[in-house]
C-alpha atoms as a PDB file:
ATOM      1  CA  MET A   1     209.252  90.965  52.493  1.00  0.00           C
ATOM      2  CA  CYS A   2     211.120  89.795  55.529  1.00  0.00           C
ATOM      3  CA  GLY A   3     210.073  90.770  59.009  1.00  0.00           C
ATOM      4  CA  ARG A   4     212.370  91.479  61.930  1.00  0.00           C
ATOM      5  CA  SER A   5     212.692  87.779  62.694  1.00  0.00           C
ATOM      6  CA  GLY A   6     213.611  87.006  59.071  1.00  0.00           C
ATOM      7  CA  GLU A   7     210.272  85.311  58.381  1.00  0.00           C
ATOM      8  CA  LEU A   8     208.701  85.780  54.987  1.00  0.00           C
ATOM      9  CA  GLN A   9     205.630  88.006  55.177  1.00  0.00           C
ATOM     10  CA  ARG A  10     202.855  88.347  52.624  1.00  0.00           C
ATOM     11  CA  ARG A  11     201.171  91.640  51.931  1.00  0.00           C
ATOM     12  CA  ARG A  12     197.555  91.797  50.895  1.00  0.00           C
ATOM     13  CA  HIS A  13     196.415  94.531  48.600  1.00  0.00           C
ATOM     14  CA  PRO A  14     192.937  95.906  48.030  1.00  0.00           C
ATOM     15  CA  ALA A  15     191.109  95.223  44.774  1.00  0.00           C
ATOM     16  CA  TRP A  16     191.872  98.787  43.697  1.00  0.00           C
ATOM     17  CA  ASN A  17     193.924 101.808  44.578  1.00  0.00           C
ATOM     18  CA  PRO A  18     191.603 104.846  44.553  1.00  0.00           C
ATOM     19  CA  ARG A  19     194.462 107.287  44.013  1.00  0.00           C
ATOM     20  CA  ARG A  20     195.734 105.610  40.859  1.00  0.00           C
ATOM     21  CA  LEU A  21     192.484 104.352  39.354  1.00  0.00           C
ATOM     22  CA  GLY A  22     190.085 107.108  40.349  1.00  0.00           C
ATOM     23  CA  GLY A  23     188.076 104.761  42.601  1.00  0.00           C
ATOM     24  CA  ARG A  24     187.526 102.195  39.824  1.00  0.00           C
ATOM     25  CA  PRO A  25     188.390  98.504  40.215  1.00  0.00           C
ATOM     26  CA  SER A  26     191.656  97.374  38.654  1.00  0.00           C
ATOM     27  CA  SER A  27     191.386  96.004  35.126  1.00  0.00           C
ATOM     28  CA  HIS A  28     192.969  92.800  36.473  1.00  0.00           C
ATOM     29  CA  VAL A  29     190.124  91.940  38.867  1.00  0.00           C
ATOM     30  CA  THR A  30     187.658  90.585  36.284  1.00  0.00           C
ATOM     31  CA  PRO A  31     190.121  88.391  34.323  1.00  0.00           C
ATOM     32  CA  VAL A  32     191.540  86.943  37.549  1.00  0.00           C
ATOM     33  CA  ALA A  33     188.039  86.215  38.887  1.00  0.00           C
ATOM     34  CA  GLU A  34     187.039  84.562  35.592  1.00  0.00           C
ATOM     35  CA  SER A  35     190.186  82.415  35.598  1.00  0.00           C
ATOM     36  CA  LEU A  36     189.514  81.275  39.154  1.00  0.00           C
ATOM     37  CA  ARG A  37     185.877  80.480  38.322  1.00  0.00           C
ATOM     38  CA  ALA A  38     187.113  78.390  35.371  1.00  0.00           C
ATOM     39  CA  LEU A  39     189.044  76.345  37.955  1.00  0.00           C
ATOM     40  CA  ALA A  40     185.716  75.616  39.724  1.00  0.00           C
ATOM     41  CA  LEU A  41     186.282  78.076  42.576  1.00  0.00           C
ATOM     42  CA  ASN A  42     183.741  80.446  44.115  1.00  0.00           C
ATOM     43  CA  VAL A  43     184.828  84.080  43.733  1.00  0.00           C
ATOM     44  CA  SER A  44     183.170  87.105  45.313  1.00  0.00           C
ATOM     45  CA  ILE A  45     184.070  90.729  45.971  1.00  0.00           C
ATOM     46  CA  GLU A  46     183.099  91.620  49.526  1.00  0.00           C
ATOM     47  CA  THR A  47     183.060  94.882  51.446  1.00  0.00           C
ATOM     48  CA  VAL A  48     185.081  94.699  54.654  1.00  0.00           C
ATOM     49  CA  PRO A  49     184.950  96.953  57.749  1.00  0.00           C
ATOM     50  CA  TYR A  50     188.545  98.181  57.299  1.00  0.00           C
ATOM     51  CA  GLU A  51     190.675  99.877  54.643  1.00  0.00           C
ATOM     52  CA  PHE A  52     194.199  98.913  53.542  1.00  0.00           C
ATOM     53  CA  GLN A  53     194.260 102.204  51.673  1.00  0.00           C
ATOM     54  CA  ARG A  54     191.847 105.115  51.753  1.00  0.00           C
ATOM     55  CA  GLY A  55     188.694 103.925  49.979  1.00  0.00           C
ATOM     56  CA  GLY A  56     190.090 100.384  49.557  1.00  0.00           C
ATOM     57  CA  ASN A  57     187.489  98.513  51.592  1.00  0.00           C
ATOM     58  CA  GLN A  58     186.760  95.541  49.343  1.00  0.00           C
ATOM     59  CA  MET A  59     188.502  92.201  48.956  1.00  0.00           C
ATOM     60  CA  MET A  60     188.305  89.277  46.593  1.00  0.00           C
ATOM     61  CA  ARG A  61     187.271  86.126  48.420  1.00  0.00           C
ATOM     62  CA  VAL A  62     188.127  82.788  46.789  1.00  0.00           C
ATOM     63  CA  ARG A  63     186.733  79.537  48.159  1.00  0.00           C
ATOM     64  CA  ALA A  64     186.414  75.950  47.045  1.00  0.00           C
ATOM     65  CA  LYS A  65     182.909  75.015  45.971  1.00  0.00           C
ATOM     66  CA  PRO A  66     181.020  72.820  48.448  1.00  0.00           C
ATOM     67  CA  GLY A  67     181.811  69.148  47.878  1.00  0.00           C
ATOM     68  CA  ALA A  68     184.932  69.924  45.822  1.00  0.00           C
ATOM     69  CA  VAL A  69     187.867  67.559  46.203  1.00  0.00           C
ATOM     70  CA  ARG A  70     190.804  69.287  47.873  1.00  0.00           C
END
């Protein structure tokens, strides 16, 4: 999406949409997490103090493992 100044903006989405999935995580979360772990990345699902959508208060956090070459 482009903002008012024409800059490209990224949108972040919660791990699931409670209205469409009945409060269950998306079926894409596990395969994506497994693929990232196979690339030697740390993956966690963390609860955050805000909601992008009603009930959507978790995010996937992806980090390099300590000592990994960047």
